Amino acid sequence: MSAPLFLYGTLLDPDVLARVSGEPGLVRRLAPARLAGWRRVFLRGTPYPTLIGDADEAVDGAVLRVGPAILARLATYEGRDYVLTPVTVTTARGAVRARAWIASVWRAEVARGWP
């Protein structure tokens, strides 16, 4: 298994995660996590989120460990706009090194924060 993924957007929806991953029970493996130093905003021109660095903010989400086949399916869903980026999140068990799909900062719609 690879480093856990930090999910913070549409993949937190149980129906979306099940459909995209092909694993209906995967949602039970999500563990709450918080990513400090980042802010969730919209990806320019879309209803989807991305992250930008912001020392005063934090993003709630979840960590999930998956194997290569599911990782490939999730990567296809995320598309070319996003790159797996190393991050460190806080969980109930402490700090965890993970990876999050984050778009280039120029793709972020900074003025339009996530609800």
C-alpha atoms as a PDB file:
ATOM      1  CA  MET A   1       0.000   0.000   0.000  1.00  0.00           C
ATOM      2  CA  SER A   2       1.114   3.521  -0.709  1.00  0.00           C
ATOM      3  CA  ALA A   3       0.982   6.531   1.612  1.00  0.00           C
ATOM      4  CA  PRO A   4      -2.564   7.369   2.662  1.00  0.00           C
ATOM      5  CA  LEU A   5      -4.566   9.838   0.674  1.00  0.00           C
ATOM      6  CA  PHE A   6      -5.993  12.976   2.247  1.00  0.00           C
ATOM      7  CA  LEU A   7      -9.468  13.486   0.793  1.00  0.00           C
ATOM      8  CA  TYR A   8     -11.149  16.867   1.204  1.00  0.00           C
ATOM      9  CA  GLY A   9     -13.744  17.183  -1.540  1.00  0.00           C
ATOM     10  CA  THR A  10     -16.140  15.125  -3.624  1.00  0.00           C
ATOM     11  CA  LEU A  11     -14.480  11.814  -2.727  1.00  0.00           C
ATOM     12  CA  LEU A  12     -15.733  12.284   0.844  1.00  0.00           C
ATOM     13  CA  ASP A  13     -19.249  11.651  -0.479  1.00  0.00           C
ATOM     14  CA  PRO A  14     -19.899   7.925   0.168  1.00  0.00           C
ATOM     15  CA  ASP A  15     -21.797   7.487  -3.111  1.00  0.00           C
ATOM     16  CA  VAL A  16     -19.091   9.177  -5.185  1.00  0.00           C
ATOM     17  CA  LEU A  17     -16.303   7.235  -3.466  1.00  0.00           C
ATOM     18  CA  ALA A  18     -18.113   3.910  -3.964  1.00  0.00           C
ATOM     19  CA  ARG A  19     -18.881   4.605  -7.624  1.00  0.00           C
ATOM     20  CA  VAL A  20     -15.417   5.873  -8.528  1.00  0.00           C
ATOM     21  CA  SER A  21     -13.442   3.288  -6.558  1.00  0.00           C
ATOM     22  CA  GLY A  22     -15.666   0.332  -7.373  1.00  0.00           C
ATOM     23  CA  GLU A  23     -15.568  -0.562  -3.644  1.00  0.00           C
ATOM     24  CA  PRO A  24     -18.878   0.178  -1.860  1.00  0.00           C
ATOM     25  CA  GLY A  25     -17.420  -0.489   1.615  1.00  0.00           C
ATOM     26  CA  LEU A  26     -14.407   1.773   1.193  1.00  0.00           C
ATOM     27  CA  VAL A  27     -16.117   4.635   3.018  1.00  0.00           C
ATOM     28  CA  ARG A  28     -15.830   2.665   6.281  1.00  0.00           C
ATOM     29  CA  ARG A  29     -12.047   3.000   6.052  1.00  0.00           C
ATOM     30  CA  LEU A  30     -12.078   6.814   6.071  1.00  0.00           C
ATOM     31  CA  ALA A  31     -10.451   8.306   9.182  1.00  0.00           C
ATOM     32  CA  PRO A  32     -11.053  11.975  10.075  1.00  0.00           C
ATOM     33  CA  ALA A  33      -8.056  14.233   9.481  1.00  0.00           C
ATOM     34  CA  ARG A  34      -7.182  17.927   9.442  1.00  0.00           C
ATOM     35  CA  LEU A  35      -4.673  19.667   7.191  1.00  0.00           C
ATOM     36  CA  ALA A  36      -3.256  22.853   8.737  1.00  0.00           C
ATOM     37  CA  GLY A  37      -1.800  25.643   6.624  1.00  0.00           C
ATOM     38  CA  TRP A  38      -4.145  25.183   3.675  1.00  0.00           C
ATOM     39  CA  ARG A  39      -7.495  26.609   2.550  1.00  0.00           C
ATOM     40  CA  ARG A  40     -10.144  24.912   0.379  1.00  0.00           C
ATOM     41  CA  VAL A  41     -11.272  26.973  -2.619  1.00  0.00           C
ATOM     42  CA  PHE A  42     -12.931  26.238  -5.940  1.00  0.00           C
ATOM     43  CA  LEU A  43     -11.014  25.032  -8.956  1.00  0.00           C
ATOM     44  CA  ARG A  44     -11.455  27.892 -11.425  1.00  0.00           C
ATOM     45  CA  GLY A  45     -14.572  27.478 -13.553  1.00  0.00           C
ATOM     46  CA  THR A  46     -15.769  24.301 -11.801  1.00  0.00           C
ATOM     47  CA  PRO A  47     -17.832  23.220  -8.785  1.00  0.00           C
ATOM     48  CA  TYR A  48     -14.839  21.192  -7.501  1.00  0.00           C
ATOM     49  CA  PRO A  49     -12.423  22.105  -4.720  1.00  0.00           C
ATOM     50  CA  THR A  50      -8.679  22.472  -4.602  1.00  0.00           C
ATOM     51  CA  LEU A  51      -6.315  23.703  -1.912  1.00  0.00           C
ATOM     52  CA  ILE A  52      -4.084  26.742  -1.604  1.00  0.00           C
ATOM     53  CA  GLY A  53      -1.520  27.425   1.066  1.00  0.00           C
ATOM     54  CA  ASP A  54      -2.778  29.688   3.858  1.00  0.00           C
ATOM     55  CA  ALA A  55      -0.969  29.667   7.199  1.00  0.00           C
ATOM     56  CA  ASP A  56      -4.074  30.874   9.067  1.00  0.00           C
ATOM     57  CA  GLU A  57      -6.455  28.190   7.785  1.00  0.00           C
ATOM     58  CA  ALA A  58      -7.034  24.431   8.032  1.00  0.00           C
ATOM     59  CA  VAL A  59      -9.048  21.936   6.004  1.00  0.00           C
ATOM     60  CA  ASP A  60     -11.068  19.084   7.464  1.00  0.00           C
ATOM     61  CA  GLY A  61     -11.166  15.851   5.518  1.00  0.00           C
ATOM     62  CA  ALA A  62     -10.227  12.208   5.888  1.00  0.00           C
ATOM     63  CA  VAL A  63      -7.318   9.874   5.251  1.00  0.00           C
ATOM     64  CA  LEU A  64      -7.692   6.644   3.344  1.00  0.00           C
ATOM     65  CA  ARG A  65      -5.241   3.880   2.464  1.00  0.00           C
ATOM     66  CA  VAL A  66      -5.803   2.198  -0.888  1.00  0.00           C
ATOM     67  CA  GLY A  67      -3.937  -0.207  -3.113  1.00  0.00           C
ATOM     68  CA  PRO A  68      -2.617   0.545  -6.611  1.00  0.00           C
ATOM     69  CA  ALA A  69      -5.781  -0.478  -8.502  1.00  0.00           C
ATOM     70  CA  ILE A  70      -8.062   1.815  -6.518  1.00  0.00           C
ATOM     71  CA  LEU A  71      -5.459   4.594  -6.555  1.00  0.00           C
ATOM     72  CA  ALA A  72      -5.442   4.389 -10.366  1.00  0.00           C
ATOM     73  CA  ARG A  73      -9.251   4.640 -10.486  1.00  0.00           C
ATOM     74  CA  LEU A  74      -9.272   7.637  -8.142  1.00  0.00           C
ATOM     75  CA  ALA A  75      -6.490   9.312 -10.150  1.00  0.00           C
ATOM     76  CA  THR A  76      -8.516   8.927 -13.332  1.00  0.00           C
ATOM     77  CA  TYR A  77     -11.480  10.559 -11.595  1.00  0.00           C
ATOM     78  CA  GLU A  78      -9.345  13.452 -10.334  1.00  0.00           C
ATOM     79  CA  GLY A  79      -7.985  14.113 -13.818  1.00  0.00           C
ATOM     80  CA  ARG A  80      -4.976  16.006 -15.101  1.00  0.00           C
ATOM     81  CA  ASP A  81      -5.729  19.244 -13.260  1.00  0.00           C
ATOM     82  CA  TYR A  82      -4.674  17.681  -9.959  1.00  0.00           C
ATOM     83  CA  VAL A  83      -1.276  16.393  -8.815  1.00  0.00           C
ATOM     84  CA  LEU A  84      -0.692  14.109  -5.826  1.00  0.00           C
ATOM     85  CA  THR A  85       1.149  16.337  -3.386  1.00  0.00           C
ATOM     86  CA  PRO A  86       2.807  15.279  -0.101  1.00  0.00           C
ATOM     87  CA  VAL A  87       1.139  16.756   2.997  1.00  0.00           C
ATOM     88  CA  THR A  88       1.138  16.087   6.728  1.00  0.00           C
ATOM     89  CA  VAL A  89      -2.262  15.811   8.363  1.00  0.00           C
ATOM     90  CA  THR A  90      -3.355  15.460  11.958  1.00  0.00           C
ATOM     91  CA  THR A  91      -5.492  12.468  12.958  1.00  0.00           C
ATOM     92  CA  ALA A  92      -6.660  11.034  16.263  1.00  0.00           C
ATOM     93  CA  ARG A  93      -3.385   9.070  16.278  1.00  0.00           C
ATOM     94  CA  GLY A  94      -1.188  12.112  15.618  1.00  0.00           C
ATOM     95  CA  ALA A  95       0.622  13.398  12.548  1.00  0.00           C
ATOM     96  CA  VAL A  96       0.403  11.314   9.380  1.00  0.00           C
ATOM     97  CA  ARG A  97       2.265  11.797   6.125  1.00  0.00           C
ATOM     98  CA  ALA A  98      -0.215  11.585   3.277  1.00  0.00           C
ATOM     99  CA  ARG A  99      -0.796  12.771  -0.272  1.00  0.00           C
ATOM    100  CA  ALA A 100      -3.566  15.038  -1.543  1.00  0.00           C
ATOM    101  CA  TRP A 101      -4.709  15.875  -5.047  1.00  0.00           C
ATOM    102  CA  ILE A 102      -4.043  19.594  -5.416  1.00  0.00           C
ATOM    103  CA  ALA A 103      -4.271  21.728  -8.557  1.00  0.00           C
ATOM    104  CA  SER A 104      -1.698  24.335  -9.537  1.00  0.00           C
ATOM    105  CA  VAL A 105      -2.288  27.562  -7.652  1.00  0.00           C
ATOM    106  CA  TRP A 106      -3.054  29.425 -10.889  1.00  0.00           C
ATOM    107  CA  ARG A 107      -6.114  27.134 -11.303  1.00  0.00           C
ATOM    108  CA  ALA A 108      -7.511  28.163  -7.911  1.00  0.00           C
ATOM    109  CA  GLU A 109     -10.341  30.649  -7.713  1.00  0.00           C
ATOM    110  CA  VAL A 110      -8.891  32.360  -4.650  1.00  0.00           C
ATOM    111  CA  ALA A 111     -11.668  34.939  -4.212  1.00  0.00           C
ATOM    112  CA  ARG A 112     -14.354  32.244  -4.156  1.00  0.00           C
ATOM    113  CA  GLY A 113     -13.832  30.273  -0.979  1.00  0.00           C
ATOM    114  CA  TRP A 114     -15.402  26.895  -0.357  1.00  0.00           C
ATOM    115  CA  PRO A 115     -18.708  26.950   1.544  1.00  0.00           C
END
